Amino acid sequence: MSILLVDYIRELKNTKNALTTEELYNELNHVNHSRENRLFYANLITHNHELISKLLEIMFRVNDKASSRAAWVFEFVCNQNIDLIIPYLDTFTKNIHKVHLDSAVRPVAKICEYIAKAFTAKTNNAIKQALTPLYKERIIALCFDYMINDEKVAAKAYSMSTLFLLGKDDAWVYPELTRILKEDYSKQSAAFKARARQILKKIKQK
């Protein structure tokens, strides 16, 4: 973390709610594909939790290009600390089906995978208690949509992993996922095929 970022975060801590939603929206115009850049803004959010609801509000302005930038930042936030999503699981799972820009779909799919990994982890964690059957159902539905729709391979790869993880306790998920993977196999890219083979192998071992 740079000295500049430390000073910036310290200033924000001393002035609660320093950024309004629109000010955060304007800040997101500076987010780009650089990992360092996204980490800068992710650190801003993780050190100022009151900004998460504002970030999600922007992310769900689904016809705005800022939706993608907000999703990129939120993906990094969740990678750093998935527990930060817990107070917003209802908002997140209720609205993720609305996201449609390709550059926003990929991080949304990745966040769902982070949630699934935490939920199925061997060690106890807060996500296990927070992810209700309804939230889980919404994520499964979204991931099947991504598998069926014409989405980029990354979104499909994250989705099939999420479905494998969350589908362990739902008898219908594995048969449906297996059907989709086999039907799409010949039409998809090498990256899709590689991930699909891994998932199908894991399903057979269950």
N, C-alpha and C. Protein backbone atom coordinates (compact mmCIF):
# COMPACT_ATOMS: atom_id res chain seq x y z
N MET A 1 0.84 -1.19 0.00
CA MET A 1 0.00 0.00 0.00
C MET A 1 0.88 1.24 0.00
N SER A 2 0.64 2.18 -0.90
CA SER A 2 1.47 3.37 -1.02
C SER A 2 1.20 4.35 0.11
N ILE A 3 2.18 5.24 0.34
CA ILE A 3 2.02 6.30 1.35
C ILE A 3 0.84 7.19 0.98
N LEU A 4 0.67 7.44 -0.32
CA LEU A 4 -0.45 8.28 -0.79
C LEU A 4 -1.78 7.66 -0.40
N LEU A 5 -1.90 6.35 -0.60
CA LEU A 5 -3.15 5.68 -0.26
C LEU A 5 -3.39 5.70 1.24
N VAL A 6 -2.35 5.48 2.04
CA VAL A 6 -2.50 5.52 3.50
C VAL A 6 -3.00 6.89 3.94
N ASP A 7 -2.42 7.95 3.40
CA ASP A 7 -2.84 9.31 3.75
C ASP A 7 -4.28 9.57 3.33
N TYR A 8 -4.64 9.06 2.15
CA TYR A 8 -5.99 9.28 1.63
C TYR A 8 -7.01 8.58 2.52
N ILE A 9 -6.72 7.34 2.88
CA ILE A 9 -7.64 6.57 3.73
C ILE A 9 -7.74 7.20 5.11
N ARG A 10 -6.61 7.66 5.66
CA ARG A 10 -6.62 8.31 6.97
C ARG A 10 -7.51 9.55 6.94
N GLU A 11 -7.44 10.29 5.85
CA GLU A 11 -8.27 11.50 5.72
C GLU A 11 -9.75 11.14 5.67
N LEU A 12 -10.07 10.07 4.94
CA LEU A 12 -11.47 9.64 4.84
C LEU A 12 -11.99 9.15 6.18
N LYS A 13 -11.14 8.47 6.96
CA LYS A 13 -11.56 7.98 8.28
C LYS A 13 -11.88 9.13 9.21
N ASN A 14 -11.18 10.24 9.03
CA ASN A 14 -11.40 11.40 9.88
C ASN A 14 -12.62 12.21 9.47
N THR A 15 -13.15 11.93 8.28
CA THR A 15 -14.35 12.62 7.81
C THR A 15 -15.31 11.56 7.30
N LYS A 16 -16.11 11.00 8.20
CA LYS A 16 -17.01 9.90 7.87
C LYS A 16 -17.91 10.26 6.69
N ASN A 17 -18.17 9.26 5.83
CA ASN A 17 -18.98 9.45 4.64
C ASN A 17 -18.42 10.58 3.77
N ALA A 18 -17.09 10.63 3.67
CA ALA A 18 -16.44 11.70 2.91
C ALA A 18 -16.86 11.69 1.45
N LEU A 19 -17.13 10.52 0.90
CA LEU A 19 -17.54 10.43 -0.49
C LEU A 19 -19.03 10.14 -0.60
N THR A 20 -19.74 10.96 -1.34
CA THR A 20 -21.13 10.66 -1.67
C THR A 20 -21.13 9.63 -2.78
N THR A 21 -22.30 9.11 -3.12
CA THR A 21 -22.39 8.14 -4.21
C THR A 21 -21.89 8.74 -5.51
N GLU A 22 -22.27 9.97 -5.77
CA GLU A 22 -21.86 10.60 -7.02
C GLU A 22 -20.37 10.92 -7.03
N GLU A 23 -19.82 11.25 -5.87
CA GLU A 23 -18.37 11.47 -5.80
C GLU A 23 -17.62 10.17 -6.04
N LEU A 24 -18.14 9.07 -5.48
CA LEU A 24 -17.53 7.76 -5.73
C LEU A 24 -17.67 7.40 -7.21
N TYR A 25 -18.82 7.70 -7.78
CA TYR A 25 -19.04 7.47 -9.21
C TYR A 25 -17.96 8.17 -10.04
N ASN A 26 -17.69 9.41 -9.69
CA ASN A 26 -16.67 10.17 -10.41
C ASN A 26 -15.28 9.59 -10.19
N GLU A 27 -15.01 9.10 -8.96
CA GLU A 27 -13.72 8.47 -8.68
C GLU A 27 -13.53 7.22 -9.55
N LEU A 28 -14.61 6.50 -9.78
CA LEU A 28 -14.52 5.25 -10.54
C LEU A 28 -14.15 5.49 -12.00
N ASN A 29 -14.28 6.72 -12.46
CA ASN A 29 -13.85 7.04 -13.82
C ASN A 29 -12.34 6.83 -13.98
N HIS A 30 -11.63 6.80 -12.85
CA HIS A 30 -10.17 6.64 -12.89
C HIS A 30 -9.76 5.17 -12.79
N VAL A 31 -10.72 4.28 -12.61
CA VAL A 31 -10.40 2.85 -12.53
C VAL A 31 -10.10 2.32 -13.93
N ASN A 32 -9.01 1.57 -14.04
CA ASN A 32 -8.65 0.99 -15.34
C ASN A 32 -8.30 -0.48 -15.17
N HIS A 33 -7.69 -1.07 -16.19
CA HIS A 33 -7.39 -2.51 -16.15
C HIS A 33 -6.17 -2.86 -15.32
N SER A 34 -5.45 -1.86 -14.85
CA SER A 34 -4.27 -2.11 -14.04
C SER A 34 -4.63 -2.74 -12.69
N ARG A 35 -3.94 -3.80 -12.34
CA ARG A 35 -4.18 -4.44 -11.05
C ARG A 35 -3.89 -3.49 -9.90
N GLU A 36 -2.81 -2.72 -10.01
CA GLU A 36 -2.45 -1.76 -8.96
C GLU A 36 -3.55 -0.72 -8.78
N ASN A 37 -4.10 -0.27 -9.90
CA ASN A 37 -5.16 0.73 -9.84
C ASN A 37 -6.41 0.18 -9.15
N ARG A 38 -6.79 -1.03 -9.50
CA ARG A 38 -7.99 -1.63 -8.89
C ARG A 38 -7.77 -1.91 -7.41
N LEU A 39 -6.55 -2.29 -7.06
CA LEU A 39 -6.23 -2.51 -5.66
C LEU A 39 -6.32 -1.21 -4.86
N PHE A 40 -5.92 -0.12 -5.48
CA PHE A 40 -6.01 1.19 -4.82
C PHE A 40 -7.44 1.46 -4.39
N TYR A 41 -8.37 1.29 -5.34
CA TYR A 41 -9.77 1.58 -5.02
C TYR A 41 -10.39 0.50 -4.13
N ALA A 42 -9.94 -0.74 -4.27
CA ALA A 42 -10.43 -1.79 -3.37
C ALA A 42 -10.01 -1.50 -1.94
N ASN A 43 -8.79 -1.04 -1.76
CA ASN A 43 -8.31 -0.68 -0.42
C ASN A 43 -9.10 0.50 0.14
N LEU A 44 -9.45 1.42 -0.72
CA LEU A 44 -10.28 2.54 -0.29
C LEU A 44 -11.60 2.03 0.27
N ILE A 45 -12.22 1.08 -0.42
CA ILE A 45 -13.51 0.53 0.02
C ILE A 45 -13.36 -0.31 1.29
N THR A 46 -12.34 -1.16 1.34
CA THR A 46 -12.20 -2.05 2.49
C THR A 46 -11.87 -1.28 3.77
N HIS A 47 -11.28 -0.12 3.64
CA HIS A 47 -10.99 0.70 4.81
C HIS A 47 -12.13 1.66 5.15
N ASN A 48 -13.14 1.69 4.32
CA ASN A 48 -14.30 2.58 4.53
C ASN A 48 -15.56 1.82 4.14
N HIS A 49 -16.02 0.95 5.05
CA HIS A 49 -17.10 0.02 4.73
C HIS A 49 -18.40 0.71 4.33
N GLU A 50 -18.59 1.96 4.75
CA GLU A 50 -19.82 2.66 4.41
C GLU A 50 -19.91 2.92 2.90
N LEU A 51 -18.79 2.74 2.19
CA LEU A 51 -18.80 2.96 0.75
C LEU A 51 -19.30 1.74 -0.03
N ILE A 52 -19.42 0.59 0.63
CA ILE A 52 -19.81 -0.63 -0.09
C ILE A 52 -21.20 -0.50 -0.68
N SER A 53 -22.16 0.01 0.10
CA SER A 53 -23.52 0.16 -0.42
C SER A 53 -23.55 1.11 -1.60
N LYS A 54 -22.71 2.13 -1.56
CA LYS A 54 -22.65 3.09 -2.67
C LYS A 54 -22.01 2.46 -3.90
N LEU A 55 -20.98 1.64 -3.67
CA LEU A 55 -20.34 0.93 -4.78
C LEU A 55 -21.33 -0.02 -5.46
N LEU A 56 -22.13 -0.72 -4.64
CA LEU A 56 -23.12 -1.64 -5.21
C LEU A 56 -24.21 -0.89 -5.96
N GLU A 57 -24.60 0.25 -5.44
CA GLU A 57 -25.60 1.06 -6.14
C GLU A 57 -25.11 1.41 -7.54
N ILE A 58 -23.85 1.77 -7.64
CA ILE A 58 -23.27 2.10 -8.95
C ILE A 58 -23.14 0.85 -9.81
N MET A 59 -22.75 -0.25 -9.21
CA MET A 59 -22.60 -1.50 -9.96
C MET A 59 -23.92 -1.92 -10.59
N PHE A 60 -25.01 -1.62 -9.92
CA PHE A 60 -26.31 -2.03 -10.44
C PHE A 60 -26.98 -0.96 -11.30
N ARG A 61 -26.23 0.06 -11.67
CA ARG A 61 -26.66 0.96 -12.76
C ARG A 61 -26.22 0.26 -14.04
N VAL A 62 -26.95 -0.77 -14.38
CA VAL A 62 -26.45 -1.79 -15.31
C VAL A 62 -26.26 -1.32 -16.75
N ASN A 63 -26.82 -0.19 -17.11
CA ASN A 63 -26.64 0.32 -18.47
C ASN A 63 -25.54 1.37 -18.56
N ASP A 64 -24.88 1.61 -17.44
CA ASP A 64 -23.83 2.62 -17.35
C ASP A 64 -22.47 1.91 -17.34
N LYS A 65 -21.51 2.45 -18.08
CA LYS A 65 -20.18 1.84 -18.11
C LYS A 65 -19.53 1.80 -16.73
N ALA A 66 -19.96 2.69 -15.86
CA ALA A 66 -19.42 2.69 -14.49
C ALA A 66 -19.78 1.41 -13.75
N SER A 67 -20.82 0.73 -14.20
CA SER A 67 -21.20 -0.55 -13.61
C SER A 67 -20.04 -1.53 -13.65
N SER A 68 -19.34 -1.56 -14.76
CA SER A 68 -18.20 -2.47 -14.91
C SER A 68 -17.07 -2.09 -13.97
N ARG A 69 -16.77 -0.80 -13.88
CA ARG A 69 -15.68 -0.35 -13.02
C ARG A 69 -15.98 -0.66 -11.56
N ALA A 70 -17.24 -0.46 -11.17
CA ALA A 70 -17.64 -0.78 -9.80
C ALA A 70 -17.51 -2.28 -9.55
N ALA A 71 -17.87 -3.09 -10.53
CA ALA A 71 -17.77 -4.55 -10.40
C ALA A 71 -16.31 -4.98 -10.29
N TRP A 72 -15.43 -4.34 -11.06
CA TRP A 72 -14.00 -4.68 -10.98
C TRP A 72 -13.48 -4.44 -9.56
N VAL A 73 -13.84 -3.29 -9.02
CA VAL A 73 -13.38 -2.93 -7.68
C VAL A 73 -13.97 -3.87 -6.64
N PHE A 74 -15.27 -4.17 -6.78
CA PHE A 74 -15.93 -5.03 -5.78
C PHE A 74 -15.36 -6.44 -5.82
N GLU A 75 -14.97 -6.90 -6.99
CA GLU A 75 -14.31 -8.22 -7.09
C GLU A 75 -13.04 -8.23 -6.25
N PHE A 76 -12.24 -7.18 -6.34
CA PHE A 76 -11.00 -7.10 -5.57
C PHE A 76 -11.30 -6.99 -4.08
N VAL A 77 -12.35 -6.26 -3.72
CA VAL A 77 -12.76 -6.14 -2.32
C VAL A 77 -13.10 -7.53 -1.76
N CYS A 78 -13.90 -8.28 -2.51
CA CYS A 78 -14.32 -9.61 -2.06
C CYS A 78 -13.16 -10.59 -2.02
N ASN A 79 -12.21 -10.42 -2.90
CA ASN A 79 -11.03 -11.27 -2.88
C ASN A 79 -10.20 -11.01 -1.62
N GLN A 80 -10.15 -9.76 -1.19
CA GLN A 80 -9.42 -9.41 0.01
C GLN A 80 -10.13 -9.89 1.28
N ASN A 81 -11.46 -9.75 1.29
CA ASN A 81 -12.24 -10.12 2.48
C ASN A 81 -13.67 -10.41 2.07
N ILE A 82 -13.98 -11.67 1.82
CA ILE A 82 -15.32 -12.02 1.34
C ILE A 82 -16.40 -11.72 2.38
N ASP A 83 -16.02 -11.66 3.65
CA ASP A 83 -17.01 -11.38 4.70
C ASP A 83 -17.63 -9.99 4.55
N LEU A 84 -16.97 -9.09 3.84
CA LEU A 84 -17.51 -7.74 3.68
C LEU A 84 -18.80 -7.73 2.87
N ILE A 85 -19.07 -8.79 2.12
CA ILE A 85 -20.29 -8.85 1.33
C ILE A 85 -21.50 -9.26 2.16
N ILE A 86 -21.27 -9.80 3.35
CA ILE A 86 -22.35 -10.41 4.13
C ILE A 86 -23.54 -9.47 4.37
N PRO A 87 -23.34 -8.23 4.80
CA PRO A 87 -24.51 -7.36 5.03
C PRO A 87 -25.26 -7.02 3.75
N TYR A 88 -24.66 -7.31 2.61
CA TYR A 88 -25.23 -6.91 1.32
C TYR A 88 -25.61 -8.11 0.46
N LEU A 89 -25.64 -9.31 1.05
CA LEU A 89 -25.94 -10.51 0.27
C LEU A 89 -27.33 -10.45 -0.36
N ASP A 90 -28.29 -9.89 0.35
CA ASP A 90 -29.63 -9.80 -0.22
C ASP A 90 -29.64 -8.87 -1.42
N THR A 91 -29.06 -7.69 -1.26
CA THR A 91 -28.99 -6.73 -2.37
C THR A 91 -28.21 -7.31 -3.54
N PHE A 92 -27.08 -7.94 -3.25
CA PHE A 92 -26.24 -8.50 -4.29
C PHE A 92 -26.97 -9.59 -5.07
N THR A 93 -27.49 -10.59 -4.35
CA THR A 93 -28.12 -11.73 -5.03
C THR A 93 -29.43 -11.36 -5.70
N LYS A 94 -30.10 -10.34 -5.19
CA LYS A 94 -31.38 -9.91 -5.77
C LYS A 94 -31.19 -9.19 -7.10
N ASN A 95 -30.03 -8.59 -7.30
CA ASN A 95 -29.83 -7.73 -8.47
C ASN A 95 -28.82 -8.24 -9.49
N ILE A 96 -28.07 -9.29 -9.17
CA ILE A 96 -27.01 -9.71 -10.08
C ILE A 96 -27.54 -10.16 -11.44
N HIS A 97 -28.77 -10.64 -11.49
CA HIS A 97 -29.30 -11.08 -12.79
C HIS A 97 -29.51 -9.92 -13.76
N LYS A 98 -29.50 -8.69 -13.25
CA LYS A 98 -29.70 -7.52 -14.10
C LYS A 98 -28.43 -7.10 -14.81
N VAL A 99 -27.27 -7.49 -14.29
CA VAL A 99 -25.99 -7.09 -14.86
C VAL A 99 -25.81 -7.77 -16.22
N HIS A 100 -25.49 -6.98 -17.24
CA HIS A 100 -25.42 -7.56 -18.58
C HIS A 100 -24.20 -7.13 -19.39
N LEU A 101 -23.51 -6.07 -18.99
CA LEU A 101 -22.31 -5.68 -19.72
C LEU A 101 -21.24 -6.75 -19.52
N ASP A 102 -20.62 -7.18 -20.62
CA ASP A 102 -19.63 -8.26 -20.54
C ASP A 102 -18.56 -8.00 -19.49
N SER A 103 -18.09 -6.77 -19.43
CA SER A 103 -17.00 -6.44 -18.52
C SER A 103 -17.45 -6.38 -17.06
N ALA A 104 -18.76 -6.40 -16.83
CA ALA A 104 -19.28 -6.46 -15.46
C ALA A 104 -19.70 -7.89 -15.10
N VAL A 105 -20.14 -8.65 -16.10
CA VAL A 105 -20.57 -10.03 -15.86
C VAL A 105 -19.42 -10.88 -15.32
N ARG A 106 -18.23 -10.72 -15.89
CA ARG A 106 -17.09 -11.54 -15.45
C ARG A 106 -16.79 -11.37 -13.97
N PRO A 107 -16.63 -10.13 -13.45
CA PRO A 107 -16.36 -10.01 -12.00
C PRO A 107 -17.52 -10.46 -11.14
N VAL A 108 -18.76 -10.29 -11.60
CA VAL A 108 -19.91 -10.78 -10.83
C VAL A 108 -19.83 -12.30 -10.71
N ALA A 109 -19.50 -12.96 -11.81
CA ALA A 109 -19.37 -14.42 -11.77
C ALA A 109 -18.23 -14.84 -10.84
N LYS A 110 -17.16 -14.07 -10.83
CA LYS A 110 -16.02 -14.38 -9.96
C LYS A 110 -16.39 -14.20 -8.50
N ILE A 111 -17.15 -13.16 -8.19
CA ILE A 111 -17.60 -12.94 -6.81
C ILE A 111 -18.47 -14.10 -6.34
N CYS A 112 -19.34 -14.59 -7.23
CA CYS A 112 -20.17 -15.75 -6.88
C CYS A 112 -19.30 -16.95 -6.57
N GLU A 113 -18.20 -17.11 -7.32
CA GLU A 113 -17.28 -18.22 -7.05
C GLU A 113 -16.60 -18.04 -5.70
N TYR A 114 -16.22 -16.81 -5.36
CA TYR A 114 -15.63 -16.55 -4.04
C TYR A 114 -16.61 -16.96 -2.94
N ILE A 115 -17.87 -16.60 -3.11
CA ILE A 115 -18.90 -16.94 -2.11
C ILE A 115 -19.02 -18.46 -2.00
N ALA A 116 -19.07 -19.14 -3.14
CA ALA A 116 -19.22 -20.60 -3.15
C ALA A 116 -18.03 -21.28 -2.48
N LYS A 117 -16.84 -20.78 -2.74
CA LYS A 117 -15.64 -21.38 -2.13
C LYS A 117 -15.66 -21.21 -0.61
N ALA A 118 -16.08 -20.03 -0.16
CA ALA A 118 -16.16 -19.80 1.29
C ALA A 118 -17.23 -20.69 1.91
N PHE A 119 -18.37 -20.80 1.24
CA PHE A 119 -19.50 -21.57 1.78
C PHE A 119 -19.15 -23.05 1.90
N THR A 120 -18.34 -23.55 1.00
CA THR A 120 -18.01 -24.99 0.99
C THR A 120 -16.63 -25.28 1.58
N ALA A 121 -16.00 -24.26 2.14
CA ALA A 121 -14.68 -24.46 2.74
C ALA A 121 -14.76 -25.41 3.94
N LYS A 122 -13.67 -26.12 4.20
CA LYS A 122 -13.65 -27.07 5.32
C LYS A 122 -13.63 -26.36 6.67
N THR A 123 -13.05 -25.18 6.68
CA THR A 123 -12.99 -24.41 7.93
C THR A 123 -14.25 -23.59 8.10
N ASN A 124 -14.64 -23.38 9.34
CA ASN A 124 -15.84 -22.60 9.62
C ASN A 124 -15.61 -21.14 9.30
N ASN A 125 -16.63 -20.48 8.77
CA ASN A 125 -16.51 -19.06 8.45
C ASN A 125 -17.90 -18.44 8.44
N ALA A 126 -17.95 -17.12 8.40
CA ALA A 126 -19.21 -16.39 8.52
C ALA A 126 -20.13 -16.58 7.32
N ILE A 127 -19.56 -16.82 6.14
CA ILE A 127 -20.39 -17.01 4.95
C ILE A 127 -21.29 -18.24 5.10
N LYS A 128 -20.80 -19.28 5.76
CA LYS A 128 -21.60 -20.50 5.94
C LYS A 128 -22.92 -20.20 6.65
N GLN A 129 -22.90 -19.28 7.59
CA GLN A 129 -24.12 -18.92 8.31
C GLN A 129 -24.94 -17.87 7.55
N ALA A 130 -24.27 -17.02 6.80
CA ALA A 130 -24.95 -15.89 6.16
C ALA A 130 -25.63 -16.24 4.84
N LEU A 131 -25.11 -17.25 4.13
CA LEU A 131 -25.67 -17.59 2.82
C LEU A 131 -26.92 -18.45 3.00
N THR A 132 -28.07 -17.81 2.96
CA THR A 132 -29.34 -18.50 3.16
C THR A 132 -29.68 -19.34 1.92
N PRO A 133 -30.62 -20.28 2.05
CA PRO A 133 -31.05 -21.04 0.88
C PRO A 133 -31.54 -20.15 -0.27
N LEU A 134 -32.18 -19.03 0.07
CA LEU A 134 -32.66 -18.12 -0.97
C LEU A 134 -31.49 -17.49 -1.73
N TYR A 135 -30.48 -17.02 -1.00
CA TYR A 135 -29.32 -16.41 -1.65
C TYR A 135 -28.60 -17.43 -2.53
N LYS A 136 -28.48 -18.64 -1.99
CA LYS A 136 -27.84 -19.72 -2.73
C LYS A 136 -28.62 -20.03 -4.01
N GLU A 137 -29.92 -20.06 -3.90
CA GLU A 137 -30.79 -20.34 -5.05
C GLU A 137 -30.61 -19.27 -6.14
N ARG A 138 -30.51 -18.02 -5.72
CA ARG A 138 -30.33 -16.93 -6.68
C ARG A 138 -29.00 -17.05 -7.41
N ILE A 139 -27.95 -17.40 -6.68
CA ILE A 139 -26.63 -17.54 -7.29
C ILE A 139 -26.63 -18.72 -8.27
N ILE A 140 -27.22 -19.83 -7.88
CA ILE A 140 -27.30 -20.99 -8.77
C ILE A 140 -28.06 -20.65 -10.05
N ALA A 141 -29.17 -19.94 -9.91
CA ALA A 141 -29.96 -19.54 -11.08
C ALA A 141 -29.15 -18.65 -12.01
N LEU A 142 -28.42 -17.70 -11.43
CA LEU A 142 -27.59 -16.81 -12.25
C LEU A 142 -26.53 -17.60 -12.99
N CYS A 143 -25.86 -18.51 -12.30
CA CYS A 143 -24.78 -19.27 -12.93
C CYS A 143 -25.30 -20.15 -14.05
N PHE A 144 -26.46 -20.72 -13.90
CA PHE A 144 -27.04 -21.49 -15.00
C PHE A 144 -27.38 -20.58 -16.17
N ASP A 145 -27.84 -19.36 -15.89
CA ASP A 145 -28.08 -18.40 -16.97
C ASP A 145 -26.79 -18.11 -17.72
N TYR A 146 -25.70 -17.91 -16.98
CA TYR A 146 -24.41 -17.64 -17.62
C TYR A 146 -23.95 -18.84 -18.46
N MET A 147 -24.24 -20.05 -17.98
CA MET A 147 -23.85 -21.24 -18.73
C MET A 147 -24.64 -21.38 -20.03
N ILE A 148 -25.91 -21.00 -19.97
CA ILE A 148 -26.80 -21.17 -21.13
C ILE A 148 -26.66 -20.02 -22.13
N ASN A 149 -26.48 -18.81 -21.61
CA ASN A 149 -26.43 -17.63 -22.47
C ASN A 149 -25.08 -17.48 -23.16
N ASP A 150 -25.03 -16.56 -24.09
CA ASP A 150 -23.81 -16.32 -24.86
C ASP A 150 -22.88 -15.39 -24.09
N GLU A 151 -22.28 -15.92 -23.03
CA GLU A 151 -21.36 -15.14 -22.20
C GLU A 151 -19.92 -15.51 -22.54
N LYS A 152 -18.99 -14.68 -22.10
CA LYS A 152 -17.57 -14.94 -22.32
C LYS A 152 -17.15 -16.19 -21.55
N VAL A 153 -16.05 -16.80 -21.99
CA VAL A 153 -15.62 -18.06 -21.39
C VAL A 153 -15.28 -17.92 -19.91
N ALA A 154 -14.74 -16.77 -19.51
CA ALA A 154 -14.37 -16.60 -18.10
C ALA A 154 -15.60 -16.69 -17.20
N ALA A 155 -16.68 -16.03 -17.60
CA ALA A 155 -17.91 -16.07 -16.81
C ALA A 155 -18.45 -17.49 -16.72
N LYS A 156 -18.37 -18.23 -17.82
CA LYS A 156 -18.83 -19.61 -17.83
C LYS A 156 -17.95 -20.50 -16.95
N ALA A 157 -16.65 -20.26 -17.00
CA ALA A 157 -15.72 -21.06 -16.19
C ALA A 157 -15.96 -20.85 -14.70
N TYR A 158 -16.12 -19.59 -14.29
CA TYR A 158 -16.41 -19.31 -12.88
C TYR A 158 -17.75 -19.91 -12.49
N SER A 159 -18.71 -19.83 -13.41
CA SER A 159 -20.06 -20.31 -13.10
C SER A 159 -20.12 -21.82 -12.93
N MET A 160 -19.40 -22.55 -13.79
CA MET A 160 -19.45 -24.00 -13.65
C MET A 160 -18.77 -24.44 -12.34
N SER A 161 -17.75 -23.71 -11.92
CA SER A 161 -17.11 -24.01 -10.64
C SER A 161 -18.05 -23.73 -9.48
N THR A 162 -18.76 -22.61 -9.56
CA THR A 162 -19.73 -22.25 -8.53
C THR A 162 -20.85 -23.28 -8.45
N LEU A 163 -21.34 -23.70 -9.59
CA LEU A 163 -22.41 -24.69 -9.62
C LEU A 163 -21.94 -26.03 -9.05
N PHE A 164 -20.71 -26.39 -9.34
CA PHE A 164 -20.18 -27.63 -8.77
C PHE A 164 -20.12 -27.53 -7.25
N LEU A 165 -19.65 -26.41 -6.75
CA LEU A 165 -19.49 -26.24 -5.31
C LEU A 165 -20.84 -26.15 -4.59
N LEU A 166 -21.75 -25.35 -5.12
CA LEU A 166 -23.04 -25.14 -4.45
C LEU A 166 -24.04 -26.25 -4.75
N GLY A 167 -23.76 -27.03 -5.78
CA GLY A 167 -24.73 -28.05 -6.20
C GLY A 167 -24.65 -29.35 -5.43
N LYS A 168 -23.73 -29.44 -4.50
CA LYS A 168 -23.54 -30.69 -3.78
C LYS A 168 -24.78 -31.13 -3.01
N ASP A 169 -25.56 -30.16 -2.54
CA ASP A 169 -26.72 -30.49 -1.71
C ASP A 169 -28.04 -30.40 -2.47
N ASP A 170 -27.98 -30.15 -3.78
CA ASP A 170 -29.19 -30.07 -4.60
C ASP A 170 -29.11 -31.13 -5.68
N ALA A 171 -29.94 -32.14 -5.58
CA ALA A 171 -29.84 -33.32 -6.44
C ALA A 171 -29.94 -33.01 -7.93
N TRP A 172 -30.62 -31.93 -8.28
CA TRP A 172 -30.87 -31.63 -9.69
C TRP A 172 -29.72 -30.88 -10.36
N VAL A 173 -28.83 -30.26 -9.58
CA VAL A 173 -27.81 -29.37 -10.15
C VAL A 173 -26.79 -30.14 -10.98
N TYR A 174 -26.23 -31.20 -10.43
CA TYR A 174 -25.18 -31.92 -11.15
C TYR A 174 -25.67 -32.51 -12.47
N PRO A 175 -26.84 -33.17 -12.51
CA PRO A 175 -27.32 -33.68 -13.80
C PRO A 175 -27.51 -32.57 -14.85
N GLU A 176 -28.05 -31.43 -14.42
CA GLU A 176 -28.27 -30.33 -15.35
C GLU A 176 -26.95 -29.73 -15.81
N LEU A 177 -26.02 -29.55 -14.90
CA LEU A 177 -24.71 -29.01 -15.24
C LEU A 177 -23.99 -29.97 -16.19
N THR A 178 -24.05 -31.26 -15.90
CA THR A 178 -23.41 -32.26 -16.77
C THR A 178 -23.99 -32.20 -18.18
N ARG A 179 -25.31 -32.09 -18.28
CA ARG A 179 -25.97 -32.01 -19.59
C ARG A 179 -25.47 -30.80 -20.38
N ILE A 180 -25.43 -29.64 -19.74
CA ILE A 180 -25.01 -28.41 -20.41
C ILE A 180 -23.56 -28.51 -20.86
N LEU A 181 -22.70 -29.00 -19.99
CA LEU A 181 -21.28 -29.09 -20.33
C LEU A 181 -21.05 -30.03 -21.51
N LYS A 182 -21.75 -31.15 -21.53
CA LYS A 182 -21.58 -32.10 -22.63
C LYS A 182 -22.15 -31.57 -23.94
N GLU A 183 -23.27 -30.89 -23.86
CA GLU A 183 -23.90 -30.35 -25.07
C GLU A 183 -23.08 -29.22 -25.67
N ASP A 184 -22.46 -28.40 -24.81
CA ASP A 184 -21.72 -27.24 -25.29
C ASP A 184 -20.26 -27.54 -25.60
N TYR A 185 -19.79 -28.69 -25.20
CA TYR A 185 -18.36 -28.99 -25.24
C TYR A 185 -17.76 -28.75 -26.62
N SER A 186 -18.35 -29.29 -27.65
CA SER A 186 -17.77 -29.20 -29.00
C SER A 186 -17.81 -27.80 -29.57
N LYS A 187 -18.69 -26.94 -29.03
CA LYS A 187 -18.87 -25.59 -29.57
C LYS A 187 -18.01 -24.55 -28.87
N GLN A 188 -17.37 -24.92 -27.78
CA GLN A 188 -16.69 -23.94 -26.95
C GLN A 188 -15.17 -23.95 -27.16
N SER A 189 -14.51 -22.98 -26.52
CA SER A 189 -13.07 -22.78 -26.66
C SER A 189 -12.28 -23.84 -25.89
N ALA A 190 -10.98 -23.84 -26.13
CA ALA A 190 -10.09 -24.78 -25.44
C ALA A 190 -10.12 -24.54 -23.93
N ALA A 191 -10.20 -23.27 -23.53
CA ALA A 191 -10.23 -22.93 -22.10
C ALA A 191 -11.50 -23.48 -21.45
N PHE A 192 -12.63 -23.35 -22.15
CA PHE A 192 -13.89 -23.90 -21.64
C PHE A 192 -13.78 -25.41 -21.51
N LYS A 193 -13.25 -26.05 -22.53
CA LYS A 193 -13.16 -27.51 -22.54
C LYS A 193 -12.28 -28.02 -21.39
N ALA A 194 -11.19 -27.32 -21.14
CA ALA A 194 -10.29 -27.73 -20.06
C ALA A 194 -10.99 -27.67 -18.71
N ARG A 195 -11.69 -26.56 -18.47
CA ARG A 195 -12.42 -26.44 -17.19
C ARG A 195 -13.57 -27.45 -17.12
N ALA A 196 -14.27 -27.63 -18.23
CA ALA A 196 -15.40 -28.57 -18.27
C ALA A 196 -14.94 -29.99 -17.94
N ARG A 197 -13.79 -30.40 -18.49
CA ARG A 197 -13.26 -31.74 -18.20
C ARG A 197 -12.99 -31.91 -16.72
N GLN A 198 -12.43 -30.88 -16.11
CA GLN A 198 -12.15 -30.93 -14.67
C GLN A 198 -13.43 -31.10 -13.87
N ILE A 199 -14.44 -30.31 -14.21
CA ILE A 199 -15.71 -30.35 -13.47
C ILE A 199 -16.41 -31.69 -13.66
N LEU A 200 -16.46 -32.17 -14.91
CA LEU A 200 -17.11 -33.45 -15.18
C LEU A 200 -16.41 -34.59 -14.44
N LYS A 201 -15.09 -34.52 -14.36
CA LYS A 201 -14.33 -35.56 -13.64
C LYS A 201 -14.67 -35.52 -12.16
N LYS A 202 -14.78 -34.32 -11.60
CA LYS A 202 -15.11 -34.19 -10.18
C LYS A 202 -16.52 -34.69 -9.91
N ILE A 203 -17.46 -34.40 -10.82
CA ILE A 203 -18.83 -34.87 -10.64
C ILE A 203 -18.89 -36.39 -10.64
N LYS A 204 -18.14 -37.04 -11.54
CA LYS A 204 -18.11 -38.49 -11.61
C LYS A 204 -17.57 -39.13 -10.34
N GLN A 205 -16.69 -38.39 -9.66
CA GLN A 205 -16.07 -38.93 -8.45
C GLN A 205 -16.97 -38.80 -7.24
N LYS A 206 -18.08 -38.07 -7.37
CA LYS A 206 -18.99 -37.90 -6.25
C LYS A 206 -19.87 -39.14 -6.05
